[in-house]
């Protein structure tokens, strides 16, 4: 199955009073690069999550963002005791220096930034297990999105391959009349110069020029590369690197064909061929 490297997936769930959400974004990359944004207390989950991603994906840069919203009940709050002790010690020093200062209100202390915190999530508790299960669900959605986009890319590539087939057929037709066209052009040039050349000498020059302009070998290699590309698209995969290499080989042959073109019509067809190959390369660089 052809898969794209670009996709997006978002999944949400609730576990033990916590709202959990995963957001996965995948873009092109030469290798598999997985990055996570997790709360500090859940950093121990990164390794098994990274392994889960590696089992499903082979290439692409994947950004995984976890969002957790705990309920606001008192059970979900923790007192920042070190900060409280620090504030109380500071207030005691203030009272010693200014005895007339009023006693602090406990509610004022609780309103101090960072005094009340949400309880840390146990990395081995039910919430952590729900996080890992939801990540697998998000991966399923991401893989499905990559397959859907990959199928669209495959259709676009096949369309370009069919277009190149038509261009190659036109090239073969044009190359069949190259020798005659060269002979006519050479005779016309000799007539302009009023030069008298023996028929056998003229035939020899025409044959030499036709040999230099012969593109049969390039057309055959282009046809072989096209067949290989179609075969690769029907393989299980991965496809991206091999197809990108084939696109480079197609462009190499197209450049040689363009350099050998001696007819204006052949030059135009060679340009159309290079444009189609370049469009293929842009598409296959998105494939896994």
Protein backbone atom coordinates (compact mmCIF):
# COMPACT_ATOMS: atom_id res chain seq x y z
CA UNK A 1 0.00 0.00 0.00
CA UNK A 2 1.37 3.39 -1.02
CA UNK A 3 1.55 5.80 1.92
CA UNK A 4 2.19 9.51 2.09
CA UNK A 5 4.53 10.93 4.73
CA UNK A 6 2.27 13.92 5.44
CA UNK A 7 -0.84 13.48 7.59
CA UNK A 8 -2.65 14.75 10.68
CA UNK A 9 -4.63 12.97 13.39
CA UNK A 10 -6.32 14.05 16.64
CA UNK A 11 -7.93 11.77 19.26
CA UNK A 12 -9.52 12.46 22.64
CA UNK A 13 -10.65 10.33 25.57
CA UNK A 14 -11.44 10.50 29.29
CA UNK A 15 -9.81 8.39 32.01
CA UNK A 16 -9.94 8.70 35.82
CA UNK A 17 -11.43 12.17 35.61
CA UNK A 18 -8.79 13.40 33.13
CA UNK A 19 -9.43 14.59 29.60
CA UNK A 20 -6.67 13.21 27.35
CA UNK A 21 -5.90 14.37 23.84
CA UNK A 22 -3.26 13.37 21.30
CA UNK A 23 -2.38 15.46 18.27
CA UNK A 24 -0.09 13.88 15.67
CA UNK A 25 1.43 15.79 12.75
CA UNK A 26 3.61 14.05 10.14
CA UNK A 27 5.68 15.72 7.42
CA UNK A 28 8.39 14.66 4.97
CA UNK A 29 11.76 13.48 6.25
CA UNK A 30 14.54 11.24 4.96
CA UNK A 31 14.30 8.98 8.01
CA UNK A 32 11.87 8.40 10.88
CA UNK A 33 12.13 11.26 13.38
CA UNK A 34 9.60 11.12 16.25
CA UNK A 35 9.34 14.00 18.73
CA UNK A 36 7.12 14.21 21.83
CA UNK A 37 5.72 16.97 23.98
CA UNK A 38 4.84 15.39 27.32
CA UNK A 39 4.48 16.56 30.93
CA UNK A 40 7.68 16.05 32.88
CA UNK A 41 6.14 13.38 35.12
CA UNK A 42 5.28 11.28 32.05
CA UNK A 43 8.68 11.35 30.34
CA UNK A 44 9.10 7.67 31.17
CA UNK A 45 6.32 6.92 28.67
CA UNK A 46 8.31 8.33 25.75
CA UNK A 47 10.28 5.16 25.04
CA UNK A 48 7.30 2.76 24.68
CA UNK A 49 5.41 5.42 22.69
CA UNK A 50 8.40 5.85 20.39
CA UNK A 51 8.57 2.09 19.87
CA UNK A 52 4.87 2.02 18.99
CA UNK A 53 5.41 4.71 16.35
CA UNK A 54 8.42 2.86 14.89
CA UNK A 55 6.33 -0.29 14.47
CA UNK A 56 3.81 1.56 12.30
CA UNK A 57 5.92 4.09 10.41
CA UNK A 58 9.19 3.89 8.48
CA UNK A 59 9.85 7.44 7.30
CA UNK A 60 8.72 10.97 8.12
CA UNK A 61 9.03 13.54 10.87
CA UNK A 62 6.30 12.95 13.47
CA UNK A 63 5.39 15.52 16.13
CA UNK A 64 3.28 14.08 18.98
CA UNK A 65 1.64 16.50 21.41
CA UNK A 66 -0.19 15.27 24.53
CA UNK A 67 -2.78 17.49 26.23
CA UNK A 68 -4.15 16.58 29.69
CA UNK A 69 -6.88 18.45 31.56
CA UNK A 70 -7.50 17.23 35.10
CA UNK A 71 -10.70 18.07 36.94
CA UNK A 72 -10.64 20.91 39.49
CA UNK A 73 -11.70 18.85 42.54
CA UNK A 74 -9.68 19.12 45.72
CA UNK A 75 -8.37 15.59 45.23
CA UNK A 76 -6.64 16.75 42.06
CA UNK A 77 -4.79 19.61 43.81
CA UNK A 78 -1.50 19.47 45.69
CA UNK A 79 0.00 22.06 47.96
CA UNK A 80 3.45 23.30 46.98
CA UNK A 81 4.89 22.79 50.45
CA UNK A 82 8.45 24.04 49.73
CA UNK A 83 7.01 27.28 48.38
CA UNK A 84 4.69 27.61 51.40
CA UNK A 85 7.55 27.16 53.85
CA UNK A 86 9.61 29.71 51.97
CA UNK A 87 6.77 32.25 52.11
CA UNK A 88 6.15 31.63 55.82
CA UNK A 89 9.84 32.13 56.61
CA UNK A 90 9.82 35.38 54.64
CA UNK A 91 6.69 36.57 56.50
CA UNK A 92 8.35 35.74 59.83
CA UNK A 93 11.31 37.93 58.94
CA UNK A 94 8.93 40.72 57.94
CA UNK A 95 7.11 40.48 61.30
CA UNK A 96 10.42 40.71 63.17
CA UNK A 97 11.40 43.82 61.26
CA UNK A 98 7.90 45.33 61.29
CA UNK A 99 5.90 44.10 64.32
CA UNK A 100 2.94 46.24 63.30
CA UNK A 101 2.44 44.17 60.12
CA UNK A 102 -0.82 42.24 60.03
CA UNK A 103 -0.92 38.46 60.14
CA UNK A 104 -1.24 36.93 56.68
CA UNK A 105 -4.54 35.46 55.54
CA UNK A 106 -4.30 31.72 54.62
CA UNK A 107 -6.38 32.36 51.50
CA UNK A 108 -3.84 34.94 50.37
CA UNK A 109 -1.16 32.29 50.66
CA UNK A 110 -3.21 29.83 48.60
CA UNK A 111 -3.65 32.46 45.88
CA UNK A 112 0.11 32.83 45.55
CA UNK A 113 1.22 31.77 42.04
CA UNK A 114 2.30 28.14 42.02
CA UNK A 115 1.03 27.41 45.55
CA UNK A 116 -1.69 25.00 44.38
CA UNK A 117 -0.78 22.51 41.69
CA UNK A 118 -2.57 19.66 40.00
CA UNK A 119 -1.57 16.29 41.35
CA UNK A 120 1.15 14.62 39.32
CA UNK A 121 -0.04 11.74 37.17
CA UNK A 122 1.31 8.34 38.07
CA UNK A 123 3.28 7.07 35.03
CA UNK A 124 2.16 3.54 35.91
CA UNK A 125 -1.44 4.34 36.79
CA UNK A 126 -4.70 4.05 34.83
CA UNK A 127 -4.30 7.48 33.23
CA UNK A 128 -0.91 6.50 31.82
CA UNK A 129 -2.36 3.29 30.40
CA UNK A 130 -5.16 5.28 28.80
CA UNK A 131 -2.59 7.65 27.31
CA UNK A 132 -0.74 4.75 25.67
CA UNK A 133 -3.96 3.18 24.38
CA UNK A 134 -5.14 6.50 22.94
CA UNK A 135 -1.76 6.95 21.25
CA UNK A 136 -2.28 3.65 19.41
CA UNK A 137 -5.71 4.89 18.31
CA UNK A 138 -4.19 8.14 17.07
CA UNK A 139 -1.54 6.16 15.17
CA UNK A 140 -4.31 4.14 13.50
CA UNK A 141 -5.98 7.37 12.36
CA UNK A 142 -2.65 8.79 11.18
CA UNK A 143 -1.77 5.68 9.17
CA UNK A 144 -5.22 5.67 7.57
CA UNK A 145 -4.80 9.34 6.60
CA UNK A 146 -1.36 8.58 5.14
CA UNK A 147 -2.80 5.70 3.11
CA UNK A 148 -5.62 7.85 1.79
CA UNK A 149 -3.26 10.59 0.69
CA UNK A 150 -0.81 8.00 -0.62
CA UNK A 151 -3.48 6.55 -2.90
CA UNK A 152 -4.16 10.02 -4.30
CA UNK A 153 -0.43 10.51 -4.90
CA UNK A 154 -0.21 7.12 -6.60
CA UNK A 155 -2.99 8.07 -9.00
CA UNK A 156 -1.23 11.34 -9.78
CA UNK A 157 2.06 9.54 -10.48
CA UNK A 158 0.37 6.92 -12.69
CA UNK A 159 -1.28 9.73 -14.64
CA UNK A 160 2.13 11.31 -15.27
CA UNK A 161 3.58 7.93 -16.27
CA UNK A 162 0.81 7.53 -18.82
CA UNK A 163 1.56 11.02 -20.09
CA UNK A 164 5.23 10.11 -20.51
CA UNK A 165 4.21 6.97 -22.46
CA UNK A 166 2.46 9.21 -24.94
CA UNK A 167 5.47 11.53 -25.14
CA UNK A 168 7.80 8.59 -25.82
CA UNK A 169 5.52 7.37 -28.63
CA UNK A 170 5.71 10.84 -30.16
CA UNK A 171 9.50 10.85 -29.78
CA UNK A 172 9.78 7.50 -31.61
CA UNK A 173 7.64 8.83 -34.42
CA UNK A 174 9.75 11.97 -34.74
CA UNK A 175 13.03 10.06 -34.58
CA UNK A 176 11.95 7.84 -37.46
CA UNK A 177 12.10 10.81 -39.86
CA UNK A 178 15.29 12.39 -38.55
CA UNK A 179 17.56 11.00 -41.30
CA UNK A 180 15.33 12.28 -44.10
CA UNK A 181 14.96 15.67 -42.45
CA UNK A 182 18.72 15.94 -42.02
CA UNK A 183 19.27 15.04 -45.67
CA UNK A 184 16.83 17.71 -46.84
CA UNK A 185 18.30 20.36 -44.57
CA UNK A 186 21.85 19.48 -45.59
CA UNK A 187 20.96 19.61 -49.29
CA UNK A 188 19.31 22.97 -48.78
CA UNK A 189 22.36 24.32 -47.06
CA UNK A 190 24.62 23.05 -49.83
CA UNK A 191 22.35 24.68 -52.40
CA UNK A 192 22.63 28.00 -50.58
CA UNK A 193 26.41 27.68 -50.62
CA UNK A 194 26.33 26.50 -54.26
CA UNK A 195 28.56 23.60 -53.32
CA UNK A 196 28.76 20.45 -55.38
CA UNK A 197 29.01 17.30 -53.21
CA UNK A 198 28.98 13.73 -54.43
CA UNK A 199 25.90 11.70 -53.60
CA UNK A 200 27.84 9.08 -51.64
CA UNK A 201 29.61 11.78 -49.65
CA UNK A 202 26.26 13.39 -48.85
CA UNK A 203 24.83 10.04 -47.77
CA UNK A 204 27.83 9.46 -45.52
CA UNK A 205 27.41 12.83 -43.78
CA UNK A 206 23.69 12.28 -43.36
CA UNK A 207 24.34 8.86 -41.82
CA UNK A 208 26.89 10.33 -39.42
CA UNK A 209 24.54 13.10 -38.30
CA UNK A 210 21.66 10.67 -37.95
CA UNK A 211 23.78 8.40 -35.76
CA UNK A 212 24.63 11.30 -33.45
CA UNK A 213 20.94 12.24 -33.24
CA UNK A 214 19.75 8.68 -32.66
CA UNK A 215 17.77 8.50 -29.39
CA UNK A 216 16.54 4.90 -29.62
CA UNK A 217 18.75 3.82 -26.70
CA UNK A 218 17.47 6.64 -24.49
CA UNK A 219 13.86 5.87 -25.39
CA UNK A 220 14.36 2.20 -24.54
CA UNK A 221 15.86 3.03 -21.16
CA UNK A 222 13.05 5.48 -20.43
CA UNK A 223 10.52 2.75 -21.20
CA UNK A 224 12.33 0.34 -18.85
CA UNK A 225 12.34 2.92 -16.03
CA UNK A 226 8.63 3.56 -16.55
CA UNK A 227 7.89 -0.15 -16.29
CA UNK A 228 9.98 -0.35 -13.10
CA UNK A 229 8.12 2.62 -11.59
CA UNK A 230 4.74 1.01 -12.24
CA UNK A 231 5.97 -2.25 -10.71
CA UNK A 232 7.22 -0.44 -7.61
CA UNK A 233 3.91 1.35 -7.14
CA UNK A 234 2.19 -2.05 -6.87
CA UNK A 235 4.71 -3.43 -4.36
CA UNK A 236 3.93 -3.48 -0.60
CA UNK A 237 6.46 -0.69 -0.05
CA UNK A 238 8.13 1.44 1.08
CA UNK A 239 8.15 3.29 -2.22
CA UNK A 240 9.53 6.80 -1.82
CA UNK A 241 13.29 6.34 -2.06
CA UNK A 242 13.20 3.87 -4.94
CA UNK A 243 10.77 5.99 -6.94
CA UNK A 244 12.82 9.11 -6.26
CA UNK A 245 15.88 7.31 -7.65
CA UNK A 246 13.92 6.22 -10.73
CA UNK A 247 12.77 9.82 -11.24
CA UNK A 248 16.42 10.91 -11.21
CA UNK A 249 17.26 8.26 -13.82
CA UNK A 250 14.31 9.33 -15.96
CA UNK A 251 15.53 12.92 -15.84
CA UNK A 252 19.06 11.84 -16.76
CA UNK A 253 17.80 10.09 -19.89
CA UNK A 254 15.51 13.01 -20.72
CA UNK A 255 18.44 15.42 -20.55
CA UNK A 256 20.43 13.23 -22.93
CA UNK A 257 17.47 13.01 -25.28
CA UNK A 258 17.07 16.80 -25.23
CA UNK A 259 20.78 17.28 -25.99
CA UNK A 260 20.47 15.01 -29.05
CA UNK A 261 17.37 16.72 -30.40
CA UNK A 262 18.04 18.27 -33.81
CA UNK A 263 14.44 19.07 -34.75
CA UNK A 264 12.49 21.95 -33.17
CA UNK A 265 9.52 19.63 -32.63
CA UNK A 266 11.76 17.11 -30.87
CA UNK A 267 13.11 19.82 -28.58
CA UNK A 268 9.57 20.79 -27.62
CA UNK A 269 8.67 17.19 -26.86
CA UNK A 270 11.86 16.81 -24.78
CA UNK A 271 10.83 19.81 -22.68
CA UNK A 272 7.36 18.31 -22.12
CA UNK A 273 9.05 15.08 -21.04
CA UNK A 274 11.26 16.85 -18.49
CA UNK A 275 8.29 18.75 -17.07
CA UNK A 276 6.31 15.53 -16.57
CA UNK A 277 9.29 13.80 -14.91
CA UNK A 278 9.84 16.77 -12.59
CA UNK A 279 6.18 16.59 -11.55
CA UNK A 280 6.63 12.90 -10.75
CA UNK A 281 9.66 13.62 -8.59
CA UNK A 282 7.76 16.26 -6.63
CA UNK A 283 5.02 13.74 -5.89
CA UNK A 284 7.18 10.75 -4.97
CA UNK A 285 9.17 12.82 -2.47
CA UNK A 286 5.99 12.83 -0.38
CA UNK A 287 5.79 9.03 -0.34
CA UNK A 288 7.04 6.87 2.51
